[in-house]
């Protein structure tokens, strides 16, 4: 009985995450991390077709741990559209939900996640 209760609690947490999920607002775009470049920089393939060199801003450095294959929200810089900041990372259950809803159609390699 204890195992069932733990499973139910975990499922409720996942549903809560999905309800409160952040979606990108313009000019933000979805992206998938292709390569870590060192420090807080990484190469991200974005849904708009560009590959950007991104960084994790200082206020999020300790909170946001990103690996290759993660789905993220990228905010392009105003003055250099080939660079940007990573503002949010999606969890596995959130990525599954986004795929079901059809929001990640442009990212082919989301299956890696």
PDB file of N, CA and C in Angstrom:
ATOM      1  N   UNK A   1       0.811  -1.187   0.000  1.00  0.00           N
ATOM      2  CA  UNK A   1       0.000   0.000   0.000  1.00  0.00           C
ATOM      3  C   UNK A   1       0.861   1.260   0.000  1.00  0.00           C
ATOM      4  N   UNK A   2       2.026   1.220   0.616  1.00  0.00           N
ATOM      5  CA  UNK A   2       2.912   2.369   0.676  1.00  0.00           C
ATOM      6  C   UNK A   2       3.450   2.756  -0.695  1.00  0.00           C
ATOM      7  N   UNK A   3       3.708   1.754  -1.540  1.00  0.00           N
ATOM      8  CA  UNK A   3       4.240   2.027  -2.883  1.00  0.00           C
ATOM      9  C   UNK A   3       3.191   2.722  -3.740  1.00  0.00           C
ATOM     10  N   UNK A   4       1.939   2.285  -3.642  1.00  0.00           N
ATOM     11  CA  UNK A   4       0.867   2.914  -4.421  1.00  0.00           C
ATOM     12  C   UNK A   4       0.713   4.383  -4.038  1.00  0.00           C
ATOM     13  N   UNK A   5       0.817   4.665  -2.750  1.00  0.00           N
ATOM     14  CA  UNK A   5       0.656   6.034  -2.278  1.00  0.00           C
ATOM     15  C   UNK A   5       1.775   6.927  -2.823  1.00  0.00           C
ATOM     16  N   UNK A   6       2.993   6.408  -2.829  1.00  0.00           N
ATOM     17  CA  UNK A   6       4.131   7.164  -3.362  1.00  0.00           C
ATOM     18  C   UNK A   6       3.925   7.436  -4.847  1.00  0.00           C
ATOM     19  N   UNK A   7       3.450   6.435  -5.589  1.00  0.00           N
ATOM     20  CA  UNK A   7       3.185   6.612  -7.023  1.00  0.00           C
ATOM     21  C   UNK A   7       2.111   7.670  -7.255  1.00  0.00           C
ATOM     22  N   UNK A   8       1.048   7.642  -6.449  1.00  0.00           N
ATOM     23  CA  UNK A   8      -0.026   8.619  -6.593  1.00  0.00           C
ATOM     24  C   UNK A   8       0.467  10.035  -6.313  1.00  0.00           C
ATOM     25  N   UNK A   9       1.305  10.189  -5.285  1.00  0.00           N
ATOM     26  CA  UNK A   9       1.849  11.509  -4.954  1.00  0.00           C
ATOM     27  C   UNK A   9       2.737  12.022  -6.082  1.00  0.00           C
ATOM     28  N   UNK A  10       3.557  11.132  -6.638  1.00  0.00           N
ATOM     29  CA  UNK A  10       4.437  11.532  -7.742  1.00  0.00           C
ATOM     30  C   UNK A  10       3.619  11.949  -8.963  1.00  0.00           C
ATOM     31  N   UNK A  11       2.552  11.209  -9.247  1.00  0.00           N
ATOM     32  CA  UNK A  11       1.696  11.539 -10.379  1.00  0.00           C
ATOM     33  C   UNK A  11       1.004  12.888 -10.160  1.00  0.00           C
ATOM     34  N   UNK A  12       0.579  13.162  -8.930  1.00  0.00           N
ATOM     35  CA  UNK A  12      -0.040  14.453  -8.632  1.00  0.00           C
ATOM     36  C   UNK A  12       0.959  15.591  -8.823  1.00  0.00           C
ATOM     37  N   UNK A  13       2.217  15.380  -8.423  1.00  0.00           N
ATOM     38  CA  UNK A  13       3.245  16.405  -8.608  1.00  0.00           C
ATOM     39  C   UNK A  13       3.461  16.682 -10.085  1.00  0.00           C
ATOM     40  N   UNK A  14       3.518  15.631 -10.912  1.00  0.00           N
ATOM     41  CA  UNK A  14       3.709  15.806 -12.354  1.00  0.00           C
ATOM     42  C   UNK A  14       2.544  16.572 -12.963  1.00  0.00           C
ATOM     43  N   UNK A  15       1.324  16.271 -12.545  1.00  0.00           N
ATOM     44  CA  UNK A  15       0.159  16.987 -13.061  1.00  0.00           C
ATOM     45  C   UNK A  15       0.206  18.456 -12.655  1.00  0.00           C
ATOM     46  N   UNK A  16       0.665  18.729 -11.435  1.00  0.00           N
ATOM     47  CA  UNK A  16       0.784  20.107 -10.965  1.00  0.00           C
ATOM     48  C   UNK A  16       1.829  20.859 -11.787  1.00  0.00           C
ATOM     49  N   UNK A  17       2.951  20.194 -12.108  1.00  0.00           N
ATOM     50  CA  UNK A  17       3.991  20.811 -12.933  1.00  0.00           C
ATOM     51  C   UNK A  17       3.430  21.183 -14.296  1.00  0.00           C
ATOM     52  N   UNK A  18       2.626  20.298 -14.874  1.00  0.00           N
ATOM     53  CA  UNK A  18       2.078  20.533 -16.204  1.00  0.00           C
ATOM     54  C   UNK A  18       1.092  21.702 -16.167  1.00  0.00           C
ATOM     55  N   UNK A  19       0.294  21.791 -15.116  1.00  0.00           N
ATOM     56  CA  UNK A  19      -0.659  22.891 -15.018  1.00  0.00           C
ATOM     57  C   UNK A  19       0.030  24.242 -14.933  1.00  0.00           C
ATOM     58  N   UNK A  20       1.180  24.309 -14.291  1.00  0.00           N
ATOM     59  CA  UNK A  20       1.871  25.568 -14.076  1.00  0.00           C
ATOM     60  C   UNK A  20       3.003  25.800 -15.063  1.00  0.00           C
ATOM     61  N   UNK A  21       3.025  25.083 -16.137  1.00  0.00           N
ATOM     62  CA  UNK A  21       4.142  25.115 -17.071  1.00  0.00           C
ATOM     63  C   UNK A  21       4.248  26.466 -17.774  1.00  0.00           C
ATOM     64  N   UNK A  22       5.477  26.924 -17.916  1.00  0.00           N
ATOM     65  CA  UNK A  22       5.742  28.189 -18.594  1.00  0.00           C
ATOM     66  C   UNK A  22       5.860  27.945 -20.094  1.00  0.00           C
ATOM     67  N   UNK A  23       5.200  28.770 -20.884  1.00  0.00           N
ATOM     68  CA  UNK A  23       5.314  28.702 -22.339  1.00  0.00           C
ATOM     69  C   UNK A  23       6.042  29.950 -22.823  1.00  0.00           C
ATOM     70  N   UNK A  24       6.768  29.847 -23.939  1.00  0.00           N
ATOM     71  CA  UNK A  24       7.524  31.014 -24.409  1.00  0.00           C
ATOM     72  C   UNK A  24       6.615  32.123 -24.927  1.00  0.00           C
ATOM     73  N   UNK A  25       6.939  33.343 -24.561  1.00  0.00           N
ATOM     74  CA  UNK A  25       6.258  34.528 -25.075  1.00  0.00           C
ATOM     75  C   UNK A  25       7.210  35.200 -26.048  1.00  0.00           C
ATOM     76  N   UNK A  26       6.683  35.849 -27.071  1.00  0.00           N
ATOM     77  CA  UNK A  26       7.587  36.517 -28.025  1.00  0.00           C
ATOM     78  C   UNK A  26       8.506  37.493 -27.294  1.00  0.00           C
ATOM     79  N   UNK A  27       9.755  37.532 -27.587  1.00  0.00           N
ATOM     80  CA  UNK A  27      10.516  36.877 -28.653  1.00  0.00           C
ATOM     81  C   UNK A  27      11.126  35.532 -28.245  1.00  0.00           C
ATOM     82  N   UNK A  28      10.721  34.941 -27.122  1.00  0.00           N
ATOM     83  CA  UNK A  28      11.293  33.675 -26.664  1.00  0.00           C
ATOM     84  C   UNK A  28      10.908  32.530 -27.602  1.00  0.00           C
ATOM     85  N   UNK A  29      11.789  31.504 -27.672  1.00  0.00           N
ATOM     86  CA  UNK A  29      11.542  30.335 -28.524  1.00  0.00           C
ATOM     87  C   UNK A  29      11.955  29.065 -27.774  1.00  0.00           C
ATOM     88  N   UNK A  30      11.368  27.928 -28.198  1.00  0.00           N
ATOM     89  CA  UNK A  30      11.792  26.627 -27.690  1.00  0.00           C
ATOM     90  C   UNK A  30      13.149  26.279 -28.295  1.00  0.00           C
ATOM     91  N   UNK A  31      13.939  25.492 -27.579  1.00  0.00           N
ATOM     92  CA  UNK A  31      15.209  25.018 -28.111  1.00  0.00           C
ATOM     93  C   UNK A  31      15.611  23.727 -27.439  1.00  0.00           C
ATOM     94  N   UNK A  32      16.563  23.028 -28.060  1.00  0.00           N
ATOM     95  CA  UNK A  32      17.108  21.808 -27.479  1.00  0.00           C
ATOM     96  C   UNK A  32      18.626  21.966 -27.410  1.00  0.00           C
ATOM     97  N   UNK A  33      19.206  21.651 -26.267  1.00  0.00           N
ATOM     98  CA  UNK A  33      20.631  21.841 -26.046  1.00  0.00           C
ATOM     99  C   UNK A  33      21.395  20.803 -26.860  1.00  0.00           C
ATOM    100  N   UNK A  34      22.267  21.273 -27.753  1.00  0.00           N
ATOM    101  CA  UNK A  34      23.066  20.366 -28.580  1.00  0.00           C
ATOM    102  C   UNK A  34      24.411  20.057 -27.950  1.00  0.00           C
ATOM    103  N   UNK A  35      25.064  21.088 -27.390  1.00  0.00           N
ATOM    104  CA  UNK A  35      26.425  20.892 -26.907  1.00  0.00           C
ATOM    105  C   UNK A  35      26.727  21.874 -25.788  1.00  0.00           C
ATOM    106  N   UNK A  36      27.423  21.377 -24.754  1.00  0.00           N
ATOM    107  CA  UNK A  36      27.911  22.270 -23.698  1.00  0.00           C
ATOM    108  C   UNK A  36      29.268  22.785 -24.131  1.00  0.00           C
ATOM    109  N   UNK A  37      29.484  24.077 -23.982  1.00  0.00           N
ATOM    110  CA  UNK A  37      30.722  24.686 -24.462  1.00  0.00           C
ATOM    111  C   UNK A  37      31.658  25.088 -23.333  1.00  0.00           C
ATOM    112  N   UNK A  38      31.239  24.949 -22.109  1.00  0.00           N
ATOM    113  CA  UNK A  38      32.085  25.316 -20.980  1.00  0.00           C
ATOM    114  C   UNK A  38      31.538  26.526 -20.262  1.00  0.00           C
ATOM    115  N   UNK A  39      31.805  26.599 -18.983  1.00  0.00           N
ATOM    116  CA  UNK A  39      31.238  27.683 -18.193  1.00  0.00           C
ATOM    117  C   UNK A  39      29.730  27.548 -18.173  1.00  0.00           C
ATOM    118  N   UNK A  40      29.041  28.611 -18.436  1.00  0.00           N
ATOM    119  CA  UNK A  40      27.582  28.544 -18.483  1.00  0.00           C
ATOM    120  C   UNK A  40      27.084  28.683 -19.919  1.00  0.00           C
ATOM    121  N   UNK A  41      27.949  28.436 -20.894  1.00  0.00           N
ATOM    122  CA  UNK A  41      27.586  28.602 -22.305  1.00  0.00           C
ATOM    123  C   UNK A  41      27.291  27.252 -22.955  1.00  0.00           C
ATOM    124  N   UNK A  42      26.367  27.292 -23.921  1.00  0.00           N
ATOM    125  CA  UNK A  42      26.040  26.077 -24.667  1.00  0.00           C
ATOM    126  C   UNK A  42      25.463  26.426 -26.026  1.00  0.00           C
ATOM    127  N   UNK A  43      25.490  25.447 -26.911  1.00  0.00           N
ATOM    128  CA  UNK A  43      24.923  25.596 -28.246  1.00  0.00           C
ATOM    129  C   UNK A  43      23.524  24.993 -28.225  1.00  0.00           C
ATOM    130  N   UNK A  44      22.529  25.796 -28.671  1.00  0.00           N
ATOM    131  CA  UNK A  44      21.129  25.374 -28.622  1.00  0.00           C
ATOM    132  C   UNK A  44      20.517  25.511 -30.003  1.00  0.00           C
ATOM    133  N   UNK A  45      19.853  24.435 -30.483  1.00  0.00           N
ATOM    134  CA  UNK A  45      19.113  24.496 -31.745  1.00  0.00           C
ATOM    135  C   UNK A  45      17.695  24.925 -31.418  1.00  0.00           C
ATOM    136  N   UNK A  46      17.286  26.061 -31.964  1.00  0.00           N
ATOM    137  CA  UNK A  46      15.995  26.664 -31.626  1.00  0.00           C
ATOM    138  C   UNK A  46      14.920  26.271 -32.631  1.00  0.00           C
ATOM    139  N   UNK A  47      13.672  26.410 -32.217  1.00  0.00           N
ATOM    140  CA  UNK A  47      12.524  26.046 -33.029  1.00  0.00           C
ATOM    141  C   UNK A  47      12.394  26.933 -34.269  1.00  0.00           C
ATOM    142  N   UNK A  48      12.946  28.143 -34.223  1.00  0.00           N
ATOM    143  CA  UNK A  48      12.875  29.036 -35.376  1.00  0.00           C
ATOM    144  C   UNK A  48      13.934  28.735 -36.433  1.00  0.00           C
ATOM    145  N   UNK A  49      14.695  27.647 -36.261  1.00  0.00           N
ATOM    146  CA  UNK A  49      15.647  27.207 -37.269  1.00  0.00           C
ATOM    147  C   UNK A  49      17.076  27.665 -37.054  1.00  0.00           C
ATOM    148  N   UNK A  50      17.337  28.511 -36.083  1.00  0.00           N
ATOM    149  CA  UNK A  50      18.685  29.014 -35.831  1.00  0.00           C
ATOM    150  C   UNK A  50      19.361  28.203 -34.745  1.00  0.00           C
ATOM    151  N   UNK A  51      20.685  28.116 -34.830  1.00  0.00           N
ATOM    152  CA  UNK A  51      21.478  27.550 -33.749  1.00  0.00           C
ATOM    153  C   UNK A  51      22.146  28.714 -33.044  1.00  0.00           C
ATOM    154  N   UNK A  52      21.870  28.855 -31.757  1.00  0.00           N
ATOM    155  CA  UNK A  52      22.371  29.994 -31.006  1.00  0.00           C
ATOM    156  C   UNK A  52      23.378  29.552 -29.954  1.00  0.00           C
ATOM    157  N   UNK A  53      24.344  30.436 -29.694  1.00  0.00           N
ATOM    158  CA  UNK A  53      25.228  30.274 -28.555  1.00  0.00           C
ATOM    159  C   UNK A  53      24.520  30.951 -27.392  1.00  0.00           C
ATOM    160  N   UNK A  54      24.193  30.176 -26.368  1.00  0.00           N
ATOM    161  CA  UNK A  54      23.422  30.708 -25.260  1.00  0.00           C
ATOM    162  C   UNK A  54      24.205  30.620 -23.965  1.00  0.00           C
ATOM    163  N   UNK A  55      23.717  31.318 -22.981  1.00  0.00           N
ATOM    164  CA  UNK A  55      24.321  31.260 -21.655  1.00  0.00           C
ATOM    165  C   UNK A  55      23.215  31.212 -20.623  1.00  0.00           C
ATOM    166  N   UNK A  56      23.576  30.787 -19.420  1.00  0.00           N
ATOM    167  CA  UNK A  56      22.643  30.819 -18.305  1.00  0.00           C
ATOM    168  C   UNK A  56      22.947  32.104 -17.542  1.00  0.00           C
ATOM    169  N   UNK A  57      21.985  33.018 -17.417  1.00  0.00           N
ATOM    170  CA  UNK A  57      22.240  34.277 -16.716  1.00  0.00           C
ATOM    171  C   UNK A  57      22.650  34.043 -15.261  1.00  0.00           C
ATOM    172  N   UNK A  58      23.364  34.987 -14.697  1.00  0.00           N
ATOM    173  CA  UNK A  58      23.888  34.864 -13.336  1.00  0.00           C
ATOM    174  C   UNK A  58      22.839  34.569 -12.290  1.00  0.00           C
ATOM    175  N   UNK A  59      21.648  35.137 -12.433  1.00  0.00           N
ATOM    176  CA  UNK A  59      20.614  34.922 -11.409  1.00  0.00           C
ATOM    177  C   UNK A  59      20.097  33.484 -11.403  1.00  0.00           C
ATOM    178  N   UNK A  60      20.332  32.729 -12.504  1.00  0.00           N
ATOM    179  CA  UNK A  60      19.849  31.348 -12.598  1.00  0.00           C
ATOM    180  C   UNK A  60      20.962  30.308 -12.546  1.00  0.00           C
ATOM    181  N   UNK A  61      22.226  30.736 -12.477  1.00  0.00           N
ATOM    182  CA  UNK A  61      23.352  29.799 -12.593  1.00  0.00           C
ATOM    183  C   UNK A  61      23.296  28.649 -11.599  1.00  0.00           C
ATOM    184  N   UNK A  62      22.978  28.923 -10.371  1.00  0.00           N
ATOM    185  CA  UNK A  62      22.968  27.877  -9.345  1.00  0.00           C
ATOM    186  C   UNK A  62      21.668  27.072  -9.342  1.00  0.00           C
ATOM    187  N   UNK A  63      20.598  27.630  -9.883  1.00  0.00           N
ATOM    188  CA  UNK A  63      19.286  26.973  -9.859  1.00  0.00           C
ATOM    189  C   UNK A  63      19.041  26.084 -11.066  1.00  0.00           C
ATOM    190  N   UNK A  64      19.637  26.420 -12.207  1.00  0.00           N
ATOM    191  CA  UNK A  64      19.300  25.781 -13.475  1.00  0.00           C
ATOM    192  C   UNK A  64      20.450  24.892 -13.934  1.00  0.00           C
ATOM    193  N   UNK A  65      20.267  23.573 -13.867  1.00  0.00           N
ATOM    194  CA  UNK A  65      21.287  22.627 -14.315  1.00  0.00           C
ATOM    195  C   UNK A  65      20.823  22.043 -15.645  1.00  0.00           C
ATOM    196  N   UNK A  66      21.596  22.291 -16.701  1.00  0.00           N
ATOM    197  CA  UNK A  66      21.192  21.922 -18.053  1.00  0.00           C
ATOM    198  C   UNK A  66      22.200  20.937 -18.637  1.00  0.00           C
ATOM    199  N   UNK A  67      21.688  19.894 -19.300  1.00  0.00           N
ATOM    200  CA  UNK A  67      22.531  18.902 -19.976  1.00  0.00           C
ATOM    201  C   UNK A  67      22.165  18.847 -21.449  1.00  0.00           C
ATOM    202  N   UNK A  68      22.981  18.148 -22.232  1.00  0.00           N
ATOM    203  CA  UNK A  68      22.681  17.980 -23.654  1.00  0.00           C
ATOM    204  C   UNK A  68      21.381  17.206 -23.803  1.00  0.00           C
ATOM    205  N   UNK A  69      20.547  17.643 -24.746  1.00  0.00           N
ATOM    206  CA  UNK A  69      19.278  16.986 -24.990  1.00  0.00           C
ATOM    207  C   UNK A  69      18.111  17.590 -24.227  1.00  0.00           C
ATOM    208  N   UNK A  70      18.362  18.508 -23.316  1.00  0.00           N
ATOM    209  CA  UNK A  70      17.276  19.133 -22.557  1.00  0.00           C
ATOM    210  C   UNK A  70      16.516  20.129 -23.432  1.00  0.00           C
ATOM    211  N   UNK A  71      15.213  20.222 -23.214  1.00  0.00           N
ATOM    212  CA  UNK A  71      14.378  21.199 -23.915  1.00  0.00           C
ATOM    213  C   UNK A  71      14.299  22.436 -23.024  1.00  0.00           C
ATOM    214  N   UNK A  72      14.571  23.599 -23.617  1.00  0.00           N
ATOM    215  CA  UNK A  72      14.665  24.845 -22.861  1.00  0.00           C
ATOM    216  C   UNK A  72      13.927  25.973 -23.583  1.00  0.00           C
ATOM    217  N   UNK A  73      13.745  27.087 -22.879  1.00  0.00           N
ATOM    218  CA  UNK A  73      13.260  28.320 -23.498  1.00  0.00           C
ATOM    219  C   UNK A  73      14.458  29.243 -23.653  1.00  0.00           C
ATOM    220  N   UNK A  74      14.628  29.769 -24.866  1.00  0.00           N
ATOM    221  CA  UNK A  74      15.737  30.678 -25.162  1.00  0.00           C
ATOM    222  C   UNK A  74      15.168  32.060 -25.446  1.00  0.00           C
ATOM    223  N   UNK A  75      15.773  33.066 -24.827  1.00  0.00           N
ATOM    224  CA  UNK A  75      15.410  34.452 -25.107  1.00  0.00           C
ATOM    225  C   UNK A  75      16.543  35.080 -25.915  1.00  0.00           C
ATOM    226  N   UNK A  76      16.327  35.312 -27.232  1.00  0.00           N
ATOM    227  CA  UNK A  76      17.387  35.898 -28.066  1.00  0.00           C
ATOM    228  C   UNK A  76      17.742  37.310 -27.593  1.00  0.00           C
ATOM    229  N   UNK A  77      19.018  37.666 -27.776  1.00  0.00           N
ATOM    230  CA  UNK A  77      19.455  39.013 -27.417  1.00  0.00           C
ATOM    231  C   UNK A  77      18.922  40.001 -28.438  1.00  0.00           C
ATOM    232  N   UNK A  78      18.648  41.212 -28.023  1.00  0.00           N
ATOM    233  CA  UNK A  78      18.114  42.235 -28.922  1.00  0.00           C
ATOM    234  C   UNK A  78      19.106  42.639 -29.999  1.00  0.00           C
ATOM    235  N   UNK A  79      20.367  42.784 -29.624  1.00  0.00           N
ATOM    236  CA  UNK A  79      21.365  43.318 -30.551  1.00  0.00           C
ATOM    237  C   UNK A  79      22.122  42.253 -31.326  1.00  0.00           C
ATOM    238  N   UNK A  80      22.040  40.987 -30.933  1.00  0.00           N
ATOM    239  CA  UNK A  80      22.720  39.905 -31.647  1.00  0.00           C
ATOM    240  C   UNK A  80      21.807  38.686 -31.618  1.00  0.00           C
ATOM    241  N   UNK A  81      21.062  38.462 -32.696  1.00  0.00           N
ATOM    242  CA  UNK A  81      20.051  37.404 -32.728  1.00  0.00           C
ATOM    243  C   UNK A  81      20.648  35.993 -32.755  1.00  0.00           C
ATOM    244  N   UNK A  82      21.983  35.867 -32.948  1.00  0.00           N
ATOM    245  CA  UNK A  82      22.630  34.551 -32.947  1.00  0.00           C
ATOM    246  C   UNK A  82      23.043  34.113 -31.545  1.00  0.00           C
ATOM    247  N   UNK A  83      22.750  34.927 -30.546  1.00  0.00           N
ATOM    248  CA  UNK A  83      23.066  34.599 -29.158  1.00  0.00           C
ATOM    249  C   UNK A  83      21.814  34.774 -28.317  1.00  0.00           C
ATOM    250  N   UNK A  84      21.832  34.198 -27.125  1.00  0.00           N
ATOM    251  CA  UNK A  84      20.655  34.334 -26.277  1.00  0.00           C
ATOM    252  C   UNK A  84      20.895  33.829 -24.866  1.00  0.00           C
ATOM    253  N   UNK A  85      19.862  33.912 -24.041  1.00  0.00           N
ATOM    254  CA  UNK A  85      19.892  33.444 -22.658  1.00  0.00           C
ATOM    255  C   UNK A  85      18.896  32.306 -22.491  1.00  0.00           C
ATOM    256  N   UNK A  86      19.275  31.306 -21.692  1.00  0.00           N
ATOM    257  CA  UNK A  86      18.360  30.226 -21.341  1.00  0.00           C
ATOM    258  C   UNK A  86      17.599  30.676 -20.108  1.00  0.00           C
ATOM    259  N   UNK A  87      16.269  30.699 -20.204  1.00  0.00           N
ATOM    260  CA  UNK A  87      15.471  31.200 -19.086  1.00  0.00           C
ATOM    261  C   UNK A  87      14.678  30.115 -18.367  1.00  0.00           C
ATOM    262  N   UNK A  88      14.498  28.936 -18.986  1.00  0.00           N
ATOM    263  CA  UNK A  88      13.684  27.903 -18.362  1.00  0.00           C
ATOM    264  C   UNK A  88      14.056  26.542 -18.944  1.00  0.00           C
ATOM    265  N   UNK A  89      14.028  25.508 -18.112  1.00  0.00           N
ATOM    266  CA  UNK A  89      14.277  24.135 -18.564  1.00  0.00           C
ATOM    267  C   UNK A  89      13.046  23.296 -18.246  1.00  0.00           C
ATOM    268  N   UNK A  90      12.620  22.487 -19.234  1.00  0.00           N
ATOM    269  CA  UNK A  90      11.452  21.626 -19.053  1.00  0.00           C
ATOM    270  C   UNK A  90      11.863  20.269 -18.498  1.00  0.00           C
ATOM    271  N   UNK A  91      10.999  19.711 -17.650  1.00  0.00           N
ATOM    272  CA  UNK A  91      11.196  18.354 -17.133  1.00  0.00           C
ATOM    273  C   UNK A  91      10.611  17.359 -18.121  1.00  0.00           C
ATOM    274  N   UNK A  92      10.911  16.085 -17.900  1.00  0.00           N
ATOM    275  CA  UNK A  92      10.480  15.028 -18.826  1.00  0.00           C
ATOM    276  C   UNK A  92       8.963  14.990 -19.001  1.00  0.00           C
ATOM    277  N   UNK A  93       8.216  15.066 -17.910  1.00  0.00           N
ATOM    278  CA  UNK A  93       6.749  15.008 -18.008  1.00  0.00           C
ATOM    279  C   UNK A  93       6.213  16.219 -18.783  1.00  0.00           C
ATOM    280  N   UNK A  94       6.861  17.369 -18.625  1.00  0.00           N
ATOM    281  CA  UNK A  94       6.440  18.566 -19.343  1.00  0.00           C
ATOM    282  C   UNK A  94       6.724  18.432 -20.832  1.00  0.00           C
ATOM    283  N   UNK A  95       7.876  17.826 -21.187  1.00  0.00           N
ATOM    284  CA  UNK A  95       8.211  17.619 -22.597  1.00  0.00           C
ATOM    285  C   UNK A  95       7.212  16.669 -23.241  1.00  0.00           C
ATOM    286  N   UNK A  96       6.844  15.602 -22.527  1.00  0.00           N
ATOM    287  CA  UNK A  96       5.838  14.667 -23.054  1.00  0.00           C
ATOM    288  C   UNK A  96       4.513  15.386 -23.316  1.00  0.00           C
ATOM    289  N   UNK A  97       4.115  16.242 -22.395  1.00  0.00           N
ATOM    290  CA  UNK A  97       2.872  17.008 -22.557  1.00  0.00           C
ATOM    291  C   UNK A  97       2.968  17.935 -23.776  1.00  0.00           C
ATOM    292  N   UNK A  98       4.084  18.636 -23.922  1.00  0.00           N
ATOM    293  CA  UNK A  98       4.264  19.545 -25.061  1.00  0.00           C
ATOM    294  C   UNK A  98       4.223  18.785 -26.383  1.00  0.00           C
ATOM    295  N   UNK A  99       4.789  17.573 -26.410  1.00  0.00           N
ATOM    296  CA  UNK A  99       4.742  16.753 -27.628  1.00  0.00           C
ATOM    297  C   UNK A  99       3.307  16.351 -27.954  1.00  0.00           C
ATOM    298  N   UNK A 100       2.561  15.944 -26.929  1.00  0.00           N
ATOM    299  CA  UNK A 100       1.159  15.560 -27.148  1.00  0.00           C
ATOM    300  C   UNK A 100       0.334  16.729 -27.664  1.00  0.00           C
ATOM    301  N   UNK A 101       0.613  17.920 -27.182  1.00  0.00           N
ATOM    302  CA  UNK A 101      -0.127  19.112 -27.595  1.00  0.00           C
ATOM    303  C   UNK A 101       0.336  19.657 -28.949  1.00  0.00           C
ATOM    304  N   UNK A 102       1.456  19.142 -29.479  1.00  0.00           N
ATOM    305  CA  UNK A 102       1.935  19.570 -30.790  1.00  0.00           C
ATOM    306  C   UNK A 102       2.725  20.864 -30.776  1.00  0.00           C
ATOM    307  N   UNK A 103       3.236  21.272 -29.633  1.00  0.00           N
ATOM    308  CA  UNK A 103       3.984  22.526 -29.531  1.00  0.00           C
ATOM    309  C   UNK A 103       5.443  22.372 -29.978  1.00  0.00           C
ATOM    310  N   UNK A 104       5.963  21.136 -30.038  1.00  0.00           N
ATOM    311  CA  UNK A 104       7.374  20.903 -30.350  1.00  0.00           C
ATOM    312  C   UNK A 104       7.559  20.277 -31.722  1.00  0.00           C
ATOM    313  N   UNK A 105       6.734  20.623 -32.688  1.00  0.00           N
ATOM    314  CA  UNK A 105       6.806  19.979 -34.005  1.00  0.00           C
ATOM    315  C   UNK A 105       8.120  20.234 -34.728  1.00  0.00           C
ATOM    316  N   UNK A 106       8.744  21.377 -34.525  1.00  0.00           N
ATOM    317  CA  UNK A 106       9.975  21.719 -35.246  1.00  0.00           C
ATOM    318  C   UNK A 106      11.219  21.045 -34.714  1.00  0.00           C
ATOM    319  N   UNK A 107      11.165  20.465 -33.536  1.00  0.00           N
ATOM    320  CA  UNK A 107      12.346  19.829 -32.950  1.00  0.00           C
ATOM    321  C   UNK A 107      12.261  18.325 -33.178  1.00  0.00           C
ATOM    322  N   UNK A 108      13.071  17.820 -34.098  1.00  0.00           N
ATOM    323  CA  UNK A 108      13.015  16.400 -34.452  1.00  0.00           C
ATOM    324  C   UNK A 108      13.655  15.516 -33.396  1.00  0.00           C
ATOM    325  N   UNK A 109      14.709  16.005 -32.737  1.00  0.00           N
ATOM    326  CA  UNK A 109      15.494  15.170 -31.840  1.00  0.00           C
ATOM    327  C   UNK A 109      14.989  15.208 -30.399  1.00  0.00           C
ATOM    328  N   UNK A 110      13.760  15.605 -30.203  1.00  0.00           N
ATOM    329  CA  UNK A 110      13.205  15.612 -28.851  1.00  0.00           C
ATOM    330  C   UNK A 110      13.099  14.185 -28.324  1.00  0.00           C
ATOM    331  N   UNK A 111      13.066  13.212 -29.230  1.00  0.00           N
ATOM    332  CA  UNK A 111      12.994  11.803 -28.815  1.00  0.00           C
ATOM    333  C   UNK A 111      14.200  11.421 -27.976  1.00  0.00           C
ATOM    334  N   UNK A 112      15.350  12.116 -28.157  1.00  0.00           N
ATOM    335  CA  UNK A 112      16.548  11.821 -27.366  1.00  0.00           C
ATOM    336  C   UNK A 112      16.283  12.010 -25.887  1.00  0.00           C
ATOM    337  N   UNK A 113      15.433  12.976 -25.558  1.00  0.00           N
ATOM    338  CA  UNK A 113      15.171  13.309 -24.163  1.00  0.00           C
ATOM    339  C   UNK A 113      14.620  12.091 -23.476  1.00  0.00           C
TER     340      UNK A 113
END
